C-alpha cells in the first residue's frame, strides 16, 4: 500500500467515526449535572413534646404554733436560708417563765426523791414503799410538764425546715400574729421539678430516668437538662392523660416555680429507619417525591415521609430502599427521559457558575 493509500484509509476512518463522537459529546453535554447521596439508616430516638410548668421540689407556709407579738425577724423578703436557720421569733416571756418554773419543780422533785433514797439506805423502815412510789410519780409528772413547756417554747420560733428561698413576709416586727397564720413561704429551688402530662399512647415508652430537655421563654437561649423522677400510676379521669415529673438542677436559681416550660422527653431508641436529606424532597400538591439515579437515568419515586430529624434529614416510611442514590441538587431540572451526569458537589457548583457566566 502506498503512502497515499494509507492516508486515504485513515481519513476515511476518521470521517466515519466523527458522527459517533459528535453524538457522544452531544449526549454528554445534554446530561443534567446532579449530585447524589445514598439512602442511609439511622436509629432514631423517639421523643415527646409537651408544655409543662416549673414547680418547687419542696415548699412550705411557715407558721407559728402560738399567737403573740413578733419580736424578731432574722431575714428579709426573698432571702436564701439554710435548714435549721431561725426565721422569726415571738415574744416568749411567759413561755420562758413557765419553762423555768417547770425546770425548778422537776429539780425539787428529783432532790426529794434522792434524799428519801439516801435516808432509806440508812433507815430502811423510815418510809413505806408507797411513799417512795409517790415521790417517784411526782418526779415523772414534773419531767412531763418540763418537756411540755419545752415544746411550747418552740411554738414561739419558726425554723427553716429545708434549704430554700423565702417569699414576702406578711407581718412585721411588733405586730401580733395568730397561731397558724402564715408569716412567710419557703421554696426549695435547687433542684426544681417540671410537671407535665403525656398521652396514654406514650405511657408504654415512658420510663423513670429518661432525659428531658427544658426551655423557658425567660431564657430563650438556654436549655436545661433533667431526668424523669415520677410517672403517675393512673390515668387522670378528667383529662385522660398521665402526669409526669422531671427533676432539673437549678444551682443558679433562675428557674422559678410557676414558669411555663417547653419539655422534650427522650423515649427509648427506636428501630433503624431510612433517612434522606430534606433538600432531596420535592412536592406536587399533597404528594412528595424525589429522583433516584439508576445508571445515568433519573427515576421519579413517590415517597411517604416521617418526622424530621432536625439535622437536615427526614425519615422515609415507604418508597425507597437502603443504598439507592437520591438526587440532592439539580433535581429541579429533571424530567422523565433525561440523562444525568453525577458530579461531586464542588464540580456541580463550578458547572453552575460556568453556566451562569
Protein backbone atom coordinates (compact mmCIF):
# COMPACT_ATOMS: atom_id res chain seq x y z
CA UNK A 1 0.00 0.00 0.00
CA UNK A 2 1.32 3.37 -0.96
CA UNK A 3 1.64 6.20 1.45
CA UNK A 4 -1.19 7.96 -0.38
CA UNK A 5 -3.48 4.98 0.04
CA UNK A 6 -2.73 4.70 3.77
CA UNK A 7 -3.53 8.32 4.32
CA UNK A 8 -6.77 7.93 2.41
CA UNK A 9 -7.83 5.00 4.61
CA UNK A 10 -7.11 6.87 7.87
CA UNK A 11 -9.04 9.88 6.68
CA UNK A 12 -12.00 7.71 5.76
CA UNK A 13 -11.98 6.12 9.25
CA UNK A 14 -11.91 9.49 10.96
CA UNK A 15 -14.77 10.70 8.82
CA UNK A 16 -16.77 7.57 9.70
CA UNK A 17 -16.18 7.96 13.46
CA UNK A 18 -16.90 11.67 13.56
CA UNK A 19 -20.70 11.39 13.78
CA UNK A 20 -20.43 8.83 16.61
CA UNK A 21 -18.05 11.03 18.57
CA UNK A 22 -20.21 14.04 17.97
CA UNK A 23 -23.30 12.19 19.19
CA UNK A 24 -21.49 11.04 22.32
CA UNK A 25 -20.32 14.55 23.08
CA UNK A 26 -23.80 15.91 22.46
CA UNK A 27 -25.34 13.33 24.77
CA UNK A 28 -22.82 14.14 27.46
CA UNK A 29 -23.40 17.86 27.11
CA UNK A 30 -27.19 17.39 27.32
CA UNK A 31 -27.00 15.34 30.54
CA UNK A 32 -28.26 17.18 33.62
CA UNK A 33 -25.50 17.69 36.20
CA UNK A 34 -26.59 16.47 39.64
CA UNK A 35 -25.19 15.36 42.96
CA UNK A 36 -26.45 12.26 44.74
CA UNK A 37 -26.42 10.70 48.21
CA UNK A 38 -27.20 7.10 49.15
CA UNK A 39 -30.23 6.31 51.27
CA UNK A 40 -28.97 5.52 54.77
CA UNK A 41 -30.44 4.21 58.01
CA UNK A 42 -30.49 5.64 61.50
CA UNK A 43 -31.74 4.50 64.85
CA UNK A 44 -33.99 7.45 65.63
CA UNK A 45 -34.58 8.38 69.26
CA UNK A 46 -38.26 9.00 69.80
CA UNK A 47 -39.37 11.88 71.97
CA UNK A 48 -42.44 13.55 73.46
CA UNK A 49 -43.01 17.28 73.08
CA UNK A 50 -45.24 18.79 75.79
CA UNK A 51 -45.82 22.04 77.67
CA UNK A 52 -45.31 21.89 81.43
CA UNK A 53 -44.81 24.10 84.45
CA UNK A 54 -41.86 24.58 86.79
CA UNK A 55 -42.72 23.62 90.36
CA UNK A 56 -40.75 23.65 93.60
CA UNK A 57 -39.48 20.31 94.82
CA UNK A 58 -40.49 21.37 98.34
CA UNK A 59 -42.45 24.36 99.59
CA UNK A 60 -43.99 25.26 102.92
CA UNK A 61 -46.03 28.02 104.52
CA UNK A 62 -44.15 28.88 107.69
CA UNK A 63 -46.36 29.49 110.73
CA UNK A 64 -46.08 29.84 114.50
CA UNK A 65 -47.98 27.38 116.66
CA UNK A 66 -48.73 30.14 119.16
CA UNK A 67 -50.22 33.59 118.89
CA UNK A 68 -48.24 36.57 120.17
CA UNK A 69 -46.34 39.71 119.21
CA UNK A 70 -43.48 39.24 116.71
CA UNK A 71 -40.21 40.05 118.47
CA UNK A 72 -37.63 39.17 115.80
CA UNK A 73 -37.44 38.56 112.04
CA UNK A 74 -33.97 37.41 111.10
CA UNK A 75 -34.23 37.64 107.28
CA UNK A 76 -35.52 39.91 104.56
CA UNK A 77 -38.02 39.25 101.80
CA UNK A 78 -36.56 36.87 99.21
CA UNK A 79 -33.51 35.83 101.23
CA UNK A 80 -31.97 32.37 100.87
CA UNK A 81 -31.91 30.34 104.09
CA UNK A 82 -30.45 27.03 105.20
CA UNK A 83 -32.16 24.20 107.03
CA UNK A 84 -32.20 24.93 110.76
CA UNK A 85 -31.94 28.74 110.46
CA UNK A 86 -34.21 30.64 112.87
CA UNK A 87 -36.52 32.70 110.64
CA UNK A 88 -38.53 34.59 113.27
CA UNK A 89 -39.41 34.62 116.98
CA UNK A 90 -42.40 35.71 119.05
CA UNK A 91 -42.37 37.40 122.42
CA UNK A 92 -41.98 34.30 124.60
CA UNK A 93 -41.55 35.94 128.02
CA UNK A 94 -44.39 33.99 129.63
CA UNK A 95 -43.44 30.73 127.92
CA UNK A 96 -39.86 31.07 129.16
CA UNK A 97 -41.09 31.78 132.69
CA UNK A 98 -43.33 28.69 132.58
CA UNK A 99 -40.35 26.63 131.41
CA UNK A 100 -38.17 27.97 134.24
CA UNK A 101 -40.92 27.10 136.72
CA UNK A 102 -41.22 23.58 135.31
CA UNK A 103 -37.46 23.16 135.47
CA UNK A 104 -37.40 24.23 139.10
CA UNK A 105 -40.29 21.92 140.01
CA UNK A 106 -38.56 18.98 138.35
CA UNK A 107 -35.30 19.73 140.13
CA UNK A 108 -37.06 19.91 143.50
CA UNK A 109 -38.92 16.64 142.90
CA UNK A 110 -35.68 14.89 141.97
CA UNK A 111 -33.96 16.25 145.09
CA UNK A 112 -36.76 15.00 147.37
CA UNK A 113 -36.63 11.57 145.81
CA UNK A 114 -32.85 11.35 146.11
CA UNK A 115 -32.93 12.43 149.79
CA UNK A 116 -35.56 9.82 150.52
CA UNK A 117 -33.47 7.10 148.92
CA UNK A 118 -30.43 8.23 150.89
CA UNK A 119 -32.49 8.05 154.07
CA UNK A 120 -33.83 4.60 153.27
CA UNK A 121 -30.29 3.40 152.70
CA UNK A 122 -29.57 4.24 156.33
CA UNK A 123 -33.03 3.54 157.81
CA UNK A 124 -34.89 1.01 155.65
CA UNK A 125 -38.08 1.36 157.70
CA UNK A 126 -38.19 5.17 157.71
CA UNK A 127 -40.80 5.30 154.89
CA UNK A 128 -43.18 2.88 153.28
CA UNK A 129 -42.72 1.76 149.66
CA UNK A 130 -45.94 3.65 148.83
CA UNK A 131 -44.36 6.92 149.97
CA UNK A 132 -41.34 6.27 147.72
CA UNK A 133 -43.60 5.48 144.77
CA UNK A 134 -45.47 8.75 145.28
CA UNK A 135 -42.22 10.71 145.23
CA UNK A 136 -41.18 8.90 142.04
CA UNK A 137 -44.51 9.76 140.45
CA UNK A 138 -44.00 13.42 141.36
CA UNK A 139 -40.67 13.33 139.52
CA UNK A 140 -42.34 11.74 136.49
CA UNK A 141 -45.11 14.34 136.42
CA UNK A 142 -42.62 17.19 136.83
CA UNK A 143 -40.50 15.79 133.98
CA UNK A 144 -43.55 15.53 131.72
CA UNK A 145 -44.52 19.12 132.50
CA UNK A 146 -40.98 20.28 131.77
CA UNK A 147 -40.98 18.56 128.38
CA UNK A 148 -44.35 20.11 127.59
CA UNK A 149 -43.10 23.62 128.44
CA UNK A 150 -40.00 23.00 126.30
CA UNK A 151 -42.22 22.05 123.36
CA UNK A 152 -44.46 25.06 123.99
CA UNK A 153 -41.47 27.42 123.86
CA UNK A 154 -40.60 26.05 120.39
CA UNK A 155 -44.05 27.17 119.24
CA UNK A 156 -42.76 30.74 119.51
CA UNK A 157 -40.00 30.16 116.93
CA UNK A 158 -40.02 29.42 113.18
CA UNK A 159 -37.08 27.34 111.95
CA UNK A 160 -36.34 26.65 108.27
CA UNK A 161 -37.29 23.01 107.54
CA UNK A 162 -35.06 22.85 104.45
CA UNK A 163 -32.72 24.96 102.31
CA UNK A 164 -34.62 27.40 100.15
CA UNK A 165 -35.66 30.96 99.37
CA UNK A 166 -38.21 33.00 101.29
CA UNK A 167 -41.12 34.90 99.78
CA UNK A 168 -42.52 38.13 101.25
CA UNK A 169 -43.22 38.39 104.97
CA UNK A 170 -46.87 39.05 105.73
CA UNK A 171 -46.23 40.71 109.15
CA UNK A 172 -43.52 42.93 110.57
CA UNK A 173 -41.76 43.13 113.94
CA UNK A 174 -44.06 44.36 116.69
CA UNK A 175 -47.27 43.18 115.06
CA UNK A 176 -49.43 40.45 116.56
CA UNK A 177 -49.87 37.23 114.62
CA UNK A 178 -52.35 34.48 115.33
CA UNK A 179 -51.38 30.85 115.68
CA UNK A 180 -51.25 29.00 112.33
CA UNK A 181 -51.31 32.26 110.31
CA UNK A 182 -48.66 32.12 107.57
CA UNK A 183 -45.81 34.54 108.17
CA UNK A 184 -43.84 33.68 105.00
CA UNK A 185 -43.45 30.84 102.49
CA UNK A 186 -40.27 28.91 101.77
CA UNK A 187 -39.45 27.34 98.38
CA UNK A 188 -36.72 24.85 97.66
CA UNK A 189 -35.35 25.93 94.26
CA UNK A 190 -32.45 23.56 93.67
CA UNK A 191 -33.40 21.24 92.25
CA UNK A 192 -36.85 22.02 90.84
CA UNK A 193 -39.47 19.91 89.11
CA UNK A 194 -41.10 20.36 85.74
CA UNK A 195 -44.61 18.91 85.80
CA UNK A 196 -46.42 17.94 82.59
CA UNK A 197 -48.76 15.29 81.20
CA UNK A 198 -48.32 12.73 78.42
CA UNK A 199 -50.85 10.78 76.38
CA UNK A 200 -51.85 7.22 77.15
CA UNK A 201 -50.25 6.14 73.86
CA UNK A 202 -46.84 7.40 75.05
CA UNK A 203 -47.12 5.85 78.51
CA UNK A 204 -45.79 2.48 77.37
CA UNK A 205 -42.50 4.06 76.22
CA UNK A 206 -42.01 6.47 79.14
CA UNK A 207 -39.70 5.38 81.94
CA UNK A 208 -38.26 6.89 85.10
CA UNK A 209 -34.71 8.04 84.46
CA UNK A 210 -35.26 9.18 80.88
CA UNK A 211 -33.72 12.51 79.89
CA UNK A 212 -35.78 15.65 79.37
CA UNK A 213 -34.74 18.92 77.75
CA UNK A 214 -36.49 22.03 79.05
CA UNK A 215 -36.64 25.61 77.79
CA UNK A 216 -38.46 28.66 79.17
CA UNK A 217 -39.32 31.95 77.50
CA UNK A 218 -37.42 33.94 80.12
CA UNK A 219 -34.13 32.40 78.93
CA UNK A 220 -34.67 31.57 75.23
CA UNK A 221 -31.02 30.77 74.54
CA UNK A 222 -30.64 28.24 77.35
CA UNK A 223 -31.64 24.60 77.57
CA UNK A 224 -31.94 22.82 80.90
CA UNK A 225 -31.44 19.08 81.25
CA UNK A 226 -33.41 16.97 83.68
CA UNK A 227 -34.44 13.41 84.45
CA UNK A 228 -37.88 11.83 84.80
CA UNK A 229 -38.46 11.18 88.50
CA UNK A 230 -42.16 10.32 88.65
CA UNK A 231 -44.80 8.81 86.38
CA UNK A 232 -48.32 8.72 87.77
CA UNK A 233 -49.60 5.18 88.38
CA UNK A 234 -53.04 6.03 86.98
CA UNK A 235 -54.57 7.99 84.11
CA UNK A 236 -56.28 11.24 85.11
CA UNK A 237 -60.01 10.65 84.63
CA UNK A 238 -60.81 14.22 83.60
CA UNK A 239 -58.04 14.72 81.02
CA UNK A 240 -57.27 11.14 80.01
CA UNK A 241 -53.55 11.90 80.36
CA UNK A 242 -50.74 10.79 82.67
CA UNK A 243 -48.86 13.19 84.95
CA UNK A 244 -45.06 13.16 84.79
CA UNK A 245 -42.43 14.95 86.91
CA UNK A 246 -38.83 15.53 85.92
CA UNK A 247 -36.14 16.88 88.25
CA UNK A 248 -33.88 19.68 86.99
CA UNK A 249 -30.76 21.06 88.66
CA UNK A 250 -31.16 24.79 89.29
CA UNK A 251 -27.95 25.89 91.00
CA UNK A 252 -28.19 29.40 89.56
CA UNK A 253 -31.76 29.65 90.95
CA UNK A 254 -33.05 31.11 87.67
CA UNK A 255 -35.93 28.66 87.18
CA UNK A 256 -38.86 29.91 89.25
CA UNK A 257 -41.97 27.99 90.27
CA UNK A 258 -44.91 28.87 88.03
CA UNK A 259 -42.87 29.31 84.84
CA UNK A 260 -44.30 27.61 81.76
CA UNK A 261 -41.78 25.31 80.07
CA UNK A 262 -41.40 23.50 76.76
CA UNK A 263 -40.48 19.92 77.57
CA UNK A 264 -38.91 17.33 75.26
CA UNK A 265 -38.75 13.88 76.84
CA UNK A 266 -36.36 11.42 75.17
CA UNK A 267 -38.01 8.00 74.89
CA UNK A 268 -36.43 4.64 74.14
CA UNK A 269 -34.31 4.48 70.99
CA UNK A 270 -36.36 3.11 68.10
CA UNK A 271 -35.54 0.71 65.28
CA UNK A 272 -33.34 1.73 62.34
CA UNK A 273 -35.22 3.85 59.79
CA UNK A 274 -34.41 5.11 56.30
CA UNK A 275 -33.37 8.76 56.03
CA UNK A 276 -32.56 11.12 53.15
CA UNK A 277 -31.58 14.80 53.01
CA UNK A 278 -34.57 17.10 53.27
CA UNK A 279 -33.42 19.04 50.22
CA UNK A 280 -33.91 15.94 48.06
CA UNK A 281 -37.69 16.07 48.59
CA UNK A 282 -39.96 17.77 46.03
CA UNK A 283 -43.70 18.45 46.31
CA UNK A 284 -46.59 18.04 43.87
CA UNK A 285 -49.73 19.17 45.68
CA UNK A 286 -50.11 16.68 48.54
CA UNK A 287 -47.63 14.21 47.06
CA UNK A 288 -43.96 14.08 47.98
CA UNK A 289 -41.39 12.62 45.62
CA UNK A 290 -37.69 12.58 44.77
CA UNK A 291 -35.40 11.37 41.98
CA UNK A 292 -33.42 8.15 42.16
CA UNK A 293 -30.45 7.63 39.82
CA UNK A 294 -30.13 4.27 38.03
CA UNK A 295 -27.05 4.33 35.83
CA UNK A 296 -27.40 7.65 34.04
CA UNK A 297 -31.20 7.67 34.19
CA UNK A 298 -33.25 9.56 36.80
CA UNK A 299 -36.35 7.76 38.08
CA UNK A 300 -39.12 9.70 39.77
CA UNK A 301 -40.11 8.00 43.02
CA UNK A 302 -43.09 8.90 45.23
CA UNK A 303 -42.37 8.53 48.96
CA UNK A 304 -44.14 8.69 52.29
CA UNK A 305 -42.37 10.92 54.79
CA UNK A 306 -41.94 10.54 58.51
CA UNK A 307 -40.64 13.07 61.05
CA UNK A 308 -37.72 15.43 60.51
CA UNK A 309 -34.57 14.56 62.42
CA UNK A 310 -33.81 18.27 63.00
CA UNK A 311 -30.37 17.98 61.40
CA UNK A 312 -31.28 18.31 57.72
CA UNK A 313 -32.66 14.80 57.19
CA UNK A 314 -36.14 13.29 57.08
CA UNK A 315 -37.42 9.77 57.77
CA UNK A 316 -38.77 7.82 54.78
CA UNK A 317 -41.62 5.50 55.71
CA UNK A 318 -42.02 3.93 52.23
CA UNK A 319 -40.86 4.27 48.64
CA UNK A 320 -37.11 3.73 48.94
CA UNK A 321 -34.51 1.09 49.75
CA UNK A 322 -31.26 1.46 51.62
CA UNK A 323 -28.34 2.27 49.32
CA UNK A 324 -30.35 3.77 46.45
CA UNK A 325 -28.90 7.02 45.14
CA UNK A 326 -31.18 10.02 45.51
CA UNK A 327 -30.58 13.33 43.76
CA UNK A 328 -29.80 16.06 46.29
CA UNK A 329 -29.04 19.00 43.93
CA UNK A 330 -30.07 19.60 40.33
CA UNK A 331 -33.38 17.72 40.70
CA UNK A 332 -35.45 20.79 39.78
CA UNK A 333 -34.23 20.46 36.16
CA UNK A 334 -35.08 16.77 35.81
CA UNK A 335 -37.85 15.23 33.71
CA UNK A 336 -38.64 11.70 32.66
CA UNK A 337 -36.35 10.74 29.79
CA UNK A 338 -33.42 12.92 30.88
CA UNK A 339 -29.96 11.58 31.47
CA UNK A 340 -27.80 12.73 34.34
CA UNK A 341 -24.17 13.43 34.87
CA UNK A 342 -23.33 12.71 38.52
CA UNK A 343 -20.83 15.22 39.85
CA UNK A 344 -19.26 15.98 43.16
CA UNK A 345 -20.80 18.98 44.96
CA UNK A 346 -17.73 21.05 44.09
CA UNK A 347 -17.89 20.12 40.39
CA UNK A 348 -21.61 20.91 40.25
CA UNK A 349 -21.01 24.34 41.76
CA UNK A 350 -18.33 25.04 39.14
CA UNK A 351 -20.65 23.89 36.36
CA UNK A 352 -23.47 26.11 37.60
CA UNK A 353 -21.13 29.08 37.87
CA UNK A 354 -19.92 28.48 34.31
CA UNK A 355 -23.49 28.22 33.05
CA UNK A 356 -24.47 31.42 34.85
CA UNK A 357 -21.45 33.21 33.38
